[in-house]
Amino acid sequence: LPAELPPTPKAPKVSKPPQLALSQAPCPPPNFTGRWLLNRIDGDFEALLKDMGSSWCDRKKAKANKFGVGKWVQQVLHEEKSVTIESAECSKVTSMSFRIGSSTEIQAAGLDGRAVAVKAYWEGGVLQLKLQRHGWAKPLWLSRYLQDGELVVKAVMWNGDVVRRYYTKQVTASDRYTVESTTSPEDA
């Protein structure tokens, strides 16, 4: 029978900081800055407008204009925790500003121009917005996130139905200049 070998000494324990796998590394939240054009809507947008208190006349006018598809532009300025959204459809332009992560609701003008209380916070890579207006029984929840190069604005109506608006980022002259100025002759 072979002789027993002495036990192998154990390697000393070395204290190292835990390593995160790439999939576990925290990702910075997206930046929504840019000019975004509404290109499609999923869900009953007219019902959402009704829930939000839009008049019958305004809802019918919006429906006749295909709810702004191909026309509605949102210019978003997103700097750290400050967000300003300027919304333009036809001749109507409105602006809404809020801070992400504020412990209290901020009074702002909604995208329809009427007063609304806004509370915004990050949940992963999704910007969650709680909107409350005088006369609403419950708040309206919006989520803003990027998916496949599009800005998605998801609204959950009070009955649980969901409406999603999909925006495509528009390239501006300054964007083209940045791309052209950073392209080397070898890339052409």
N, C-alpha and C. Protein backbone atom coordinates (compact mmCIF):
# COMPACT_ATOMS: atom_id res chain seq x y z
N LEU A 1 0.83 -1.19 0.00
CA LEU A 1 0.00 0.00 0.00
C LEU A 1 0.87 1.25 0.00
N PRO A 2 0.46 2.27 -0.77
CA PRO A 2 1.27 3.49 -0.79
C PRO A 2 1.20 4.20 0.55
N ALA A 3 2.27 4.83 0.87
CA ALA A 3 2.33 5.58 2.13
C ALA A 3 1.46 6.82 2.01
N GLU A 4 0.87 7.20 3.11
CA GLU A 4 0.03 8.40 3.10
C GLU A 4 0.90 9.62 2.99
N LEU A 5 0.43 10.56 2.15
CA LEU A 5 1.14 11.83 1.98
C LEU A 5 0.72 12.78 3.08
N PRO A 6 1.63 13.64 3.48
CA PRO A 6 1.24 14.62 4.51
C PRO A 6 0.22 15.60 3.90
N PRO A 7 -0.63 16.17 4.72
CA PRO A 7 -1.64 17.10 4.19
C PRO A 7 -0.96 18.31 3.54
N THR A 8 -1.58 18.78 2.46
CA THR A 8 -1.07 19.95 1.75
C THR A 8 -1.42 21.18 2.56
N PRO A 9 -0.41 22.05 2.78
CA PRO A 9 -0.73 23.26 3.56
C PRO A 9 -1.70 24.14 2.77
N LYS A 10 -2.64 24.77 3.49
CA LYS A 10 -3.62 25.65 2.85
C LYS A 10 -2.97 26.99 2.59
N ALA A 11 -3.35 27.57 1.47
CA ALA A 11 -2.84 28.90 1.11
C ALA A 11 -3.44 29.91 2.09
N PRO A 12 -2.64 30.91 2.45
CA PRO A 12 -3.17 31.91 3.38
C PRO A 12 -4.31 32.69 2.71
N LYS A 13 -5.31 33.05 3.51
CA LYS A 13 -6.44 33.83 2.99
C LYS A 13 -5.99 35.27 2.79
N VAL A 14 -6.31 35.77 1.63
CA VAL A 14 -5.99 37.17 1.30
C VAL A 14 -7.31 37.91 1.17
N SER A 15 -7.41 39.00 1.88
CA SER A 15 -8.64 39.79 1.81
C SER A 15 -8.61 40.68 0.57
N LYS A 16 -9.56 40.43 -0.33
CA LYS A 16 -9.67 41.23 -1.56
C LYS A 16 -11.06 41.81 -1.62
N PRO A 17 -11.20 42.97 -2.23
CA PRO A 17 -12.55 43.50 -2.41
C PRO A 17 -13.32 42.60 -3.38
N PRO A 18 -14.61 42.46 -3.18
CA PRO A 18 -15.38 41.61 -4.09
C PRO A 18 -15.34 42.18 -5.50
N GLN A 19 -15.24 41.31 -6.47
CA GLN A 19 -15.23 41.71 -7.87
C GLN A 19 -16.64 41.57 -8.42
N LEU A 20 -17.12 42.62 -9.08
CA LEU A 20 -18.43 42.54 -9.70
C LEU A 20 -18.27 42.01 -11.11
N ALA A 21 -19.12 41.11 -11.48
CA ALA A 21 -19.14 40.68 -12.87
C ALA A 21 -19.64 41.85 -13.71
N LEU A 22 -19.27 41.90 -14.98
CA LEU A 22 -19.68 43.02 -15.82
C LEU A 22 -21.19 43.19 -15.82
N SER A 23 -21.94 42.11 -15.79
CA SER A 23 -23.39 42.22 -15.81
C SER A 23 -23.93 42.77 -14.49
N GLN A 24 -23.14 42.71 -13.41
CA GLN A 24 -23.59 43.21 -12.12
C GLN A 24 -23.12 44.63 -11.86
N ALA A 25 -22.21 45.14 -12.67
CA ALA A 25 -21.69 46.48 -12.45
C ALA A 25 -22.82 47.49 -12.64
N PRO A 26 -22.93 48.45 -11.71
CA PRO A 26 -24.01 49.43 -11.86
C PRO A 26 -23.79 50.28 -13.10
N CYS A 27 -24.84 50.48 -13.86
CA CYS A 27 -24.77 51.30 -15.06
C CYS A 27 -25.26 52.69 -14.73
N PRO A 28 -24.62 53.70 -15.30
CA PRO A 28 -25.13 55.04 -15.05
C PRO A 28 -26.50 55.19 -15.73
N PRO A 29 -27.38 56.00 -15.16
CA PRO A 29 -28.68 56.17 -15.80
C PRO A 29 -28.52 56.83 -17.16
N PRO A 30 -29.45 56.58 -18.07
CA PRO A 30 -29.34 57.18 -19.40
C PRO A 30 -29.54 58.69 -19.34
N ASN A 31 -29.06 59.36 -20.35
CA ASN A 31 -29.28 60.80 -20.50
C ASN A 31 -30.23 60.98 -21.67
N PHE A 32 -31.34 61.67 -21.44
CA PHE A 32 -32.38 61.82 -22.45
C PHE A 32 -32.23 63.08 -23.29
N THR A 33 -31.13 63.81 -23.12
CA THR A 33 -30.95 65.06 -23.86
C THR A 33 -31.06 64.83 -25.36
N GLY A 34 -31.80 65.69 -26.01
CA GLY A 34 -31.91 65.62 -27.46
C GLY A 34 -33.27 66.08 -27.94
N ARG A 35 -33.41 66.05 -29.24
CA ARG A 35 -34.67 66.39 -29.91
C ARG A 35 -35.29 65.08 -30.36
N TRP A 36 -36.51 64.81 -29.88
CA TRP A 36 -37.16 63.53 -30.10
C TRP A 36 -38.49 63.74 -30.83
N LEU A 37 -38.71 62.97 -31.90
CA LEU A 37 -39.93 63.05 -32.70
C LEU A 37 -40.78 61.81 -32.44
N LEU A 38 -42.06 62.02 -32.11
CA LEU A 38 -42.98 60.91 -31.87
C LEU A 38 -43.19 60.15 -33.18
N ASN A 39 -42.90 58.83 -33.18
CA ASN A 39 -43.07 58.07 -34.42
C ASN A 39 -44.16 57.01 -34.34
N ARG A 40 -44.61 56.63 -33.13
CA ARG A 40 -45.73 55.69 -33.03
C ARG A 40 -46.25 55.65 -31.60
N ILE A 41 -47.47 55.14 -31.47
CA ILE A 41 -48.13 55.00 -30.17
C ILE A 41 -48.73 53.61 -30.09
N ASP A 42 -48.53 52.93 -28.97
CA ASP A 42 -49.19 51.66 -28.68
C ASP A 42 -50.16 51.90 -27.53
N GLY A 43 -51.42 51.49 -27.71
CA GLY A 43 -52.41 51.65 -26.67
C GLY A 43 -53.43 52.72 -27.04
N ASP A 44 -54.40 52.91 -26.15
CA ASP A 44 -55.52 53.83 -26.38
C ASP A 44 -55.16 55.21 -25.86
N PHE A 45 -54.53 56.02 -26.71
CA PHE A 45 -54.08 57.34 -26.29
C PHE A 45 -55.27 58.27 -26.03
N GLU A 46 -56.35 58.09 -26.76
CA GLU A 46 -57.53 58.93 -26.53
C GLU A 46 -58.08 58.69 -25.12
N ALA A 47 -58.09 57.43 -24.67
CA ALA A 47 -58.56 57.13 -23.31
C ALA A 47 -57.63 57.75 -22.27
N LEU A 48 -56.32 57.77 -22.55
CA LEU A 48 -55.37 58.41 -21.64
C LEU A 48 -55.67 59.91 -21.54
N LEU A 49 -55.92 60.55 -22.69
CA LEU A 49 -56.25 61.98 -22.67
C LEU A 49 -57.52 62.23 -21.87
N LYS A 50 -58.49 61.35 -22.01
CA LYS A 50 -59.74 61.49 -21.25
C LYS A 50 -59.47 61.35 -19.75
N ASP A 51 -58.68 60.35 -19.37
CA ASP A 51 -58.31 60.17 -17.95
C ASP A 51 -57.62 61.42 -17.40
N MET A 52 -56.84 62.08 -18.24
CA MET A 52 -56.08 63.25 -17.81
C MET A 52 -56.93 64.53 -17.79
N GLY A 53 -58.20 64.41 -18.21
CA GLY A 53 -59.09 65.56 -18.13
C GLY A 53 -59.19 66.39 -19.40
N SER A 54 -58.67 65.89 -20.52
CA SER A 54 -58.79 66.64 -21.77
C SER A 54 -60.25 66.65 -22.22
N SER A 55 -60.67 67.78 -22.76
CA SER A 55 -62.06 67.92 -23.20
C SER A 55 -62.32 67.05 -24.43
N TRP A 56 -63.60 66.79 -24.68
CA TRP A 56 -64.01 66.02 -25.86
C TRP A 56 -63.46 66.67 -27.12
N CYS A 57 -63.59 67.99 -27.21
CA CYS A 57 -63.12 68.71 -28.40
C CYS A 57 -61.61 68.54 -28.59
N ASP A 58 -60.84 68.68 -27.50
CA ASP A 58 -59.37 68.52 -27.59
C ASP A 58 -58.99 67.09 -27.99
N ARG A 59 -59.73 66.11 -27.46
CA ARG A 59 -59.43 64.71 -27.81
C ARG A 59 -59.72 64.44 -29.28
N LYS A 60 -60.82 64.97 -29.79
CA LYS A 60 -61.16 64.75 -31.21
C LYS A 60 -60.16 65.46 -32.11
N LYS A 61 -59.71 66.65 -31.72
CA LYS A 61 -58.71 67.37 -32.50
C LYS A 61 -57.38 66.58 -32.51
N ALA A 62 -57.01 66.05 -31.35
CA ALA A 62 -55.78 65.25 -31.26
C ALA A 62 -55.89 63.99 -32.13
N LYS A 63 -57.06 63.35 -32.10
CA LYS A 63 -57.25 62.14 -32.90
C LYS A 63 -57.15 62.46 -34.40
N ALA A 64 -57.74 63.58 -34.81
CA ALA A 64 -57.67 63.99 -36.22
C ALA A 64 -56.23 64.26 -36.65
N ASN A 65 -55.39 64.66 -35.70
CA ASN A 65 -53.97 64.91 -35.98
C ASN A 65 -53.11 63.69 -35.67
N LYS A 66 -53.73 62.50 -35.60
CA LYS A 66 -53.04 61.23 -35.33
C LYS A 66 -52.24 61.29 -34.04
N PHE A 67 -52.77 62.04 -33.06
CA PHE A 67 -52.16 62.18 -31.73
C PHE A 67 -50.71 62.67 -31.80
N GLY A 68 -50.38 63.38 -32.87
CA GLY A 68 -49.05 63.98 -32.99
C GLY A 68 -48.00 63.09 -33.62
N VAL A 69 -48.35 61.89 -34.05
CA VAL A 69 -47.36 61.00 -34.66
C VAL A 69 -46.78 61.68 -35.90
N GLY A 70 -45.45 61.77 -35.92
CA GLY A 70 -44.75 62.43 -37.03
C GLY A 70 -44.70 63.94 -36.90
N LYS A 71 -45.33 64.49 -35.85
CA LYS A 71 -45.38 65.96 -35.67
C LYS A 71 -44.91 66.40 -34.29
N TRP A 72 -45.21 65.60 -33.27
CA TRP A 72 -44.95 66.01 -31.88
C TRP A 72 -43.46 65.86 -31.59
N VAL A 73 -42.84 66.96 -31.20
CA VAL A 73 -41.40 66.98 -30.89
C VAL A 73 -41.22 67.30 -29.41
N GLN A 74 -40.35 66.55 -28.75
CA GLN A 74 -39.94 66.87 -27.39
C GLN A 74 -38.45 67.19 -27.41
N GLN A 75 -38.12 68.40 -26.99
CA GLN A 75 -36.73 68.82 -26.84
C GLN A 75 -36.40 68.63 -25.36
N VAL A 76 -35.49 67.71 -25.06
CA VAL A 76 -35.18 67.37 -23.67
C VAL A 76 -33.78 67.87 -23.33
N LEU A 77 -33.67 68.59 -22.23
CA LEU A 77 -32.38 68.99 -21.68
C LEU A 77 -32.25 68.29 -20.33
N HIS A 78 -31.30 67.36 -20.24
CA HIS A 78 -31.13 66.52 -19.04
C HIS A 78 -29.71 66.71 -18.55
N GLU A 79 -29.56 67.43 -17.45
CA GLU A 79 -28.24 67.68 -16.85
C GLU A 79 -28.27 67.18 -15.41
N GLU A 80 -27.58 66.06 -15.18
CA GLU A 80 -27.54 65.41 -13.88
C GLU A 80 -28.94 65.19 -13.34
N LYS A 81 -29.37 65.98 -12.35
CA LYS A 81 -30.69 65.76 -11.74
C LYS A 81 -31.77 66.71 -12.25
N SER A 82 -31.42 67.61 -13.14
CA SER A 82 -32.40 68.56 -13.69
C SER A 82 -32.85 68.12 -15.07
N VAL A 83 -34.15 68.17 -15.29
CA VAL A 83 -34.72 67.81 -16.59
C VAL A 83 -35.71 68.90 -17.00
N THR A 84 -35.58 69.36 -18.24
CA THR A 84 -36.55 70.27 -18.84
C THR A 84 -37.01 69.63 -20.14
N ILE A 85 -38.32 69.55 -20.31
CA ILE A 85 -38.90 68.98 -21.52
C ILE A 85 -39.73 70.07 -22.18
N GLU A 86 -39.32 70.47 -23.36
CA GLU A 86 -40.11 71.41 -24.14
C GLU A 86 -40.83 70.60 -25.20
N SER A 87 -42.13 70.72 -25.22
CA SER A 87 -42.94 69.91 -26.11
C SER A 87 -43.61 70.81 -27.14
N ALA A 88 -43.51 70.43 -28.42
CA ALA A 88 -44.10 71.23 -29.48
C ALA A 88 -44.92 70.33 -30.40
N GLU A 89 -46.18 70.71 -30.57
CA GLU A 89 -47.05 70.04 -31.53
C GLU A 89 -47.81 71.13 -32.25
N CYS A 90 -47.67 71.15 -33.55
CA CYS A 90 -48.26 72.20 -34.38
C CYS A 90 -47.77 73.54 -33.85
N SER A 91 -48.67 74.43 -33.44
CA SER A 91 -48.25 75.75 -32.98
C SER A 91 -48.19 75.84 -31.46
N LYS A 92 -48.51 74.76 -30.75
CA LYS A 92 -48.54 74.78 -29.29
C LYS A 92 -47.20 74.30 -28.72
N VAL A 93 -46.58 75.14 -27.90
CA VAL A 93 -45.31 74.80 -27.25
C VAL A 93 -45.49 74.95 -25.75
N THR A 94 -45.12 73.91 -25.00
CA THR A 94 -45.18 73.96 -23.54
C THR A 94 -43.84 73.48 -22.99
N SER A 95 -43.58 73.83 -21.74
CA SER A 95 -42.32 73.44 -21.11
C SER A 95 -42.59 72.95 -19.70
N MET A 96 -41.86 71.91 -19.31
CA MET A 96 -42.01 71.31 -17.98
C MET A 96 -40.61 71.06 -17.42
N SER A 97 -40.35 71.49 -16.18
CA SER A 97 -39.04 71.27 -15.55
C SER A 97 -39.24 70.60 -14.19
N PHE A 98 -38.30 69.70 -13.85
CA PHE A 98 -38.36 69.03 -12.56
C PHE A 98 -36.96 68.53 -12.19
N ARG A 99 -36.81 68.13 -10.91
CA ARG A 99 -35.55 67.58 -10.42
C ARG A 99 -35.74 66.11 -10.07
N ILE A 100 -34.78 65.29 -10.45
CA ILE A 100 -34.82 63.86 -10.16
C ILE A 100 -34.31 63.64 -8.74
N GLY A 101 -35.05 62.85 -7.96
CA GLY A 101 -34.60 62.48 -6.61
C GLY A 101 -34.97 63.46 -5.53
N SER A 102 -35.77 64.47 -5.83
CA SER A 102 -36.20 65.41 -4.81
C SER A 102 -37.10 64.68 -3.82
N SER A 103 -36.96 65.01 -2.53
CA SER A 103 -37.76 64.32 -1.51
C SER A 103 -39.20 64.80 -1.49
N THR A 104 -39.48 65.92 -2.13
CA THR A 104 -40.84 66.43 -2.18
C THR A 104 -41.30 66.58 -3.63
N GLU A 105 -42.61 66.66 -3.80
CA GLU A 105 -43.14 66.88 -5.13
C GLU A 105 -42.85 68.33 -5.54
N ILE A 106 -42.57 68.51 -6.81
CA ILE A 106 -42.27 69.84 -7.35
C ILE A 106 -43.47 70.28 -8.18
N GLN A 107 -43.93 71.50 -7.96
CA GLN A 107 -45.01 72.05 -8.75
C GLN A 107 -44.44 72.51 -10.08
N ALA A 108 -45.04 72.06 -11.17
CA ALA A 108 -44.54 72.40 -12.50
C ALA A 108 -45.73 72.57 -13.43
N ALA A 109 -45.45 73.11 -14.59
CA ALA A 109 -46.46 73.16 -15.65
C ALA A 109 -46.35 71.84 -16.39
N GLY A 110 -47.48 71.15 -16.55
CA GLY A 110 -47.47 69.91 -17.31
C GLY A 110 -47.30 70.19 -18.79
N LEU A 111 -47.13 69.14 -19.58
CA LEU A 111 -46.93 69.33 -21.01
C LEU A 111 -48.16 69.88 -21.71
N ASP A 112 -49.30 69.87 -21.00
CA ASP A 112 -50.50 70.50 -21.56
C ASP A 112 -50.65 71.94 -21.07
N GLY A 113 -49.67 72.41 -20.27
CA GLY A 113 -49.69 73.79 -19.77
C GLY A 113 -50.35 73.95 -18.42
N ARG A 114 -51.07 72.94 -17.94
CA ARG A 114 -51.75 73.04 -16.65
C ARG A 114 -50.82 72.59 -15.53
N ALA A 115 -51.08 73.12 -14.32
CA ALA A 115 -50.24 72.81 -13.15
C ALA A 115 -50.32 71.33 -12.79
N VAL A 116 -49.16 70.79 -12.41
CA VAL A 116 -49.07 69.39 -12.01
C VAL A 116 -47.95 69.26 -10.98
N ALA A 117 -48.14 68.37 -9.99
CA ALA A 117 -47.09 68.07 -9.02
C ALA A 117 -46.30 66.88 -9.56
N VAL A 118 -44.97 67.00 -9.55
CA VAL A 118 -44.10 65.98 -10.14
C VAL A 118 -43.14 65.46 -9.07
N LYS A 119 -43.01 64.14 -9.01
CA LYS A 119 -41.97 63.50 -8.20
C LYS A 119 -41.27 62.53 -9.14
N ALA A 120 -39.96 62.67 -9.28
CA ALA A 120 -39.19 61.85 -10.23
C ALA A 120 -38.05 61.16 -9.52
N TYR A 121 -37.82 59.89 -9.91
CA TYR A 121 -36.70 59.13 -9.33
C TYR A 121 -36.29 58.04 -10.30
N TRP A 122 -35.05 57.56 -10.13
CA TRP A 122 -34.53 56.47 -10.96
C TRP A 122 -34.90 55.14 -10.36
N GLU A 123 -35.28 54.21 -11.18
CA GLU A 123 -35.47 52.81 -10.81
C GLU A 123 -34.70 52.01 -11.85
N GLY A 124 -33.44 51.70 -11.53
CA GLY A 124 -32.56 51.10 -12.54
C GLY A 124 -32.30 52.14 -13.63
N GLY A 125 -32.46 51.78 -14.88
CA GLY A 125 -32.26 52.70 -15.99
C GLY A 125 -33.55 53.36 -16.44
N VAL A 126 -34.59 53.33 -15.58
CA VAL A 126 -35.89 53.90 -15.94
C VAL A 126 -36.17 55.10 -15.05
N LEU A 127 -36.53 56.22 -15.68
CA LEU A 127 -36.93 57.40 -14.94
C LEU A 127 -38.43 57.30 -14.67
N GLN A 128 -38.78 57.20 -13.39
CA GLN A 128 -40.18 57.08 -12.98
C GLN A 128 -40.70 58.47 -12.61
N LEU A 129 -41.87 58.81 -13.11
CA LEU A 129 -42.49 60.10 -12.82
C LEU A 129 -43.88 59.87 -12.24
N LYS A 130 -44.11 60.46 -11.09
CA LYS A 130 -45.44 60.43 -10.47
C LYS A 130 -46.02 61.82 -10.68
N LEU A 131 -47.13 61.90 -11.41
CA LEU A 131 -47.78 63.17 -11.69
C LEU A 131 -49.11 63.21 -10.95
N GLN A 132 -49.36 64.32 -10.24
CA GLN A 132 -50.62 64.49 -9.52
C GLN A 132 -51.16 65.88 -9.83
N ARG A 133 -52.44 65.91 -10.19
CA ARG A 133 -53.08 67.18 -10.53
C ARG A 133 -54.33 67.32 -9.68
N HIS A 134 -54.65 68.57 -9.34
CA HIS A 134 -55.88 68.85 -8.59
C HIS A 134 -57.06 68.29 -9.38
N GLY A 135 -57.90 67.52 -8.71
CA GLY A 135 -59.06 66.94 -9.37
C GLY A 135 -58.86 65.49 -9.78
N TRP A 136 -57.63 65.02 -9.77
CA TRP A 136 -57.37 63.61 -10.09
C TRP A 136 -57.54 62.78 -8.83
N ALA A 137 -58.23 61.66 -8.95
CA ALA A 137 -58.41 60.76 -7.81
C ALA A 137 -57.10 60.07 -7.44
N LYS A 138 -56.29 59.77 -8.45
CA LYS A 138 -55.03 59.05 -8.24
C LYS A 138 -53.95 59.73 -9.09
N PRO A 139 -52.68 59.48 -8.75
CA PRO A 139 -51.61 60.02 -9.60
C PRO A 139 -51.50 59.22 -10.90
N LEU A 140 -50.91 59.84 -11.88
CA LEU A 140 -50.59 59.18 -13.15
C LEU A 140 -49.11 58.84 -13.11
N TRP A 141 -48.77 57.61 -13.45
CA TRP A 141 -47.38 57.16 -13.45
C TRP A 141 -46.85 57.10 -14.87
N LEU A 142 -45.70 57.76 -15.10
CA LEU A 142 -45.02 57.70 -16.39
C LEU A 142 -43.64 57.10 -16.17
N SER A 143 -43.18 56.36 -17.15
CA SER A 143 -41.81 55.82 -17.14
C SER A 143 -41.15 56.28 -18.43
N ARG A 144 -39.92 56.77 -18.33
CA ARG A 144 -39.14 57.17 -19.50
C ARG A 144 -37.89 56.30 -19.53
N TYR A 145 -37.65 55.67 -20.69
CA TYR A 145 -36.47 54.83 -20.81
C TYR A 145 -36.09 54.73 -22.28
N LEU A 146 -34.85 54.29 -22.52
CA LEU A 146 -34.36 54.09 -23.87
C LEU A 146 -34.45 52.61 -24.20
N GLN A 147 -34.94 52.31 -25.42
CA GLN A 147 -35.06 50.93 -25.88
C GLN A 147 -34.80 50.91 -27.38
N ASP A 148 -33.79 50.16 -27.78
CA ASP A 148 -33.45 50.02 -29.21
C ASP A 148 -33.31 51.37 -29.90
N GLY A 149 -32.67 52.32 -29.23
CA GLY A 149 -32.41 53.63 -29.82
C GLY A 149 -33.59 54.58 -29.78
N GLU A 150 -34.70 54.17 -29.20
CA GLU A 150 -35.87 55.04 -29.10
C GLU A 150 -36.09 55.46 -27.65
N LEU A 151 -36.68 56.64 -27.48
CA LEU A 151 -37.14 57.08 -26.17
C LEU A 151 -38.57 56.58 -26.03
N VAL A 152 -38.83 55.80 -24.98
CA VAL A 152 -40.17 55.28 -24.74
C VAL A 152 -40.74 56.01 -23.52
N VAL A 153 -41.96 56.52 -23.67
CA VAL A 153 -42.68 57.13 -22.56
C VAL A 153 -43.92 56.26 -22.33
N LYS A 154 -43.90 55.55 -21.20
CA LYS A 154 -44.97 54.60 -20.87
C LYS A 154 -45.86 55.23 -19.80
N ALA A 155 -47.16 55.25 -20.07
CA ALA A 155 -48.13 55.76 -19.10
C ALA A 155 -49.01 54.60 -18.66
N VAL A 156 -49.19 54.49 -17.35
CA VAL A 156 -50.11 53.49 -16.81
C VAL A 156 -51.36 54.23 -16.36
N MET A 157 -52.48 53.92 -17.03
CA MET A 157 -53.74 54.60 -16.72
C MET A 157 -54.32 54.05 -15.43
N TRP A 158 -55.31 54.75 -14.92
CA TRP A 158 -55.89 54.39 -13.63
C TRP A 158 -56.56 53.02 -13.66
N ASN A 159 -57.02 52.59 -14.81
CA ASN A 159 -57.65 51.27 -14.90
C ASN A 159 -56.60 50.17 -15.15
N GLY A 160 -55.32 50.56 -15.20
CA GLY A 160 -54.24 49.59 -15.41
C GLY A 160 -53.79 49.46 -16.85
N ASP A 161 -54.56 50.02 -17.80
CA ASP A 161 -54.14 49.98 -19.20
C ASP A 161 -52.85 50.78 -19.40
N VAL A 162 -52.10 50.39 -20.41
CA VAL A 162 -50.81 51.01 -20.68
C VAL A 162 -50.81 51.64 -22.06
N VAL A 163 -50.24 52.83 -22.15
CA VAL A 163 -50.03 53.52 -23.42
C VAL A 163 -48.54 53.82 -23.52
N ARG A 164 -47.94 53.45 -24.65
CA ARG A 164 -46.53 53.74 -24.87
C ARG A 164 -46.38 54.65 -26.08
N ARG A 165 -45.57 55.71 -25.90
CA ARG A 165 -45.22 56.59 -27.01
C ARG A 165 -43.75 56.35 -27.32
N TYR A 166 -43.44 56.19 -28.60
CA TYR A 166 -42.08 55.91 -29.05
C TYR A 166 -41.56 57.11 -29.83
N TYR A 167 -40.42 57.64 -29.39
CA TYR A 167 -39.81 58.80 -30.02
C TYR A 167 -38.47 58.41 -30.64
N THR A 168 -38.18 58.96 -31.81
CA THR A 168 -36.90 58.75 -32.48
C THR A 168 -36.07 60.02 -32.32
N LYS A 169 -34.79 59.84 -31.98
CA LYS A 169 -33.91 61.00 -31.80
C LYS A 169 -33.61 61.61 -33.16
N GLN A 170 -33.75 62.92 -33.22
CA GLN A 170 -33.48 63.66 -34.45
C GLN A 170 -32.05 64.18 -34.41
N VAL A 171 -31.34 64.01 -35.51
CA VAL A 171 -29.96 64.50 -35.60
C VAL A 171 -30.03 65.98 -35.95
N THR A 172 -29.36 66.81 -35.14
CA THR A 172 -29.34 68.25 -35.39
C THR A 172 -28.03 68.62 -36.08
N ALA A 173 -27.95 69.85 -36.54
CA ALA A 173 -26.74 70.33 -37.21
C ALA A 173 -25.53 70.23 -36.28
N SER A 174 -25.71 70.53 -34.98
CA SER A 174 -24.57 70.43 -34.06
C SER A 174 -24.15 68.98 -33.87
N ASP A 175 -25.11 68.04 -33.92
CA ASP A 175 -24.77 66.61 -33.83
C ASP A 175 -23.93 66.20 -35.04
N ARG A 176 -24.33 66.65 -36.23
CA ARG A 176 -23.59 66.31 -37.45
C ARG A 176 -22.18 66.89 -37.39
N TYR A 177 -22.05 68.12 -36.87
CA TYR A 177 -20.73 68.74 -36.77
C TYR A 177 -19.85 67.93 -35.84
N THR A 178 -20.41 67.49 -34.71
CA THR A 178 -19.63 66.70 -33.75
C THR A 178 -19.15 65.41 -34.39
N VAL A 179 -20.03 64.73 -35.12
CA VAL A 179 -19.65 63.47 -35.76
C VAL A 179 -18.59 63.73 -36.82
N GLU A 180 -18.79 64.75 -37.65
CA GLU A 180 -17.83 65.05 -38.72
C GLU A 180 -16.48 65.47 -38.16
N SER A 181 -16.49 66.26 -37.07
CA SER A 181 -15.22 66.76 -36.54
C SER A 181 -14.44 65.69 -35.79
N THR A 182 -15.10 64.62 -35.37
CA THR A 182 -14.39 63.56 -34.65
C THR A 182 -14.03 62.39 -35.57
N THR A 183 -14.39 62.47 -36.84
CA THR A 183 -14.08 61.41 -37.78
C THR A 183 -12.73 61.71 -38.43
N SER A 184 -11.81 60.78 -38.33
CA SER A 184 -10.50 61.00 -38.94
C SER A 184 -10.55 60.67 -40.42
N PRO A 185 -9.62 61.19 -41.23
CA PRO A 185 -9.61 60.89 -42.67
C PRO A 185 -9.51 59.41 -42.93
N GLU A 186 -8.88 58.65 -42.02
CA GLU A 186 -8.75 57.21 -42.22
C GLU A 186 -10.09 56.49 -42.10
N ASP A 187 -11.03 57.11 -41.34
CA ASP A 187 -12.35 56.51 -41.16
C ASP A 187 -13.22 56.68 -42.39
N ALA A 188 -12.91 57.67 -43.22
CA ALA A 188 -13.77 57.99 -44.36
C ALA A 188 -13.61 56.95 -45.47
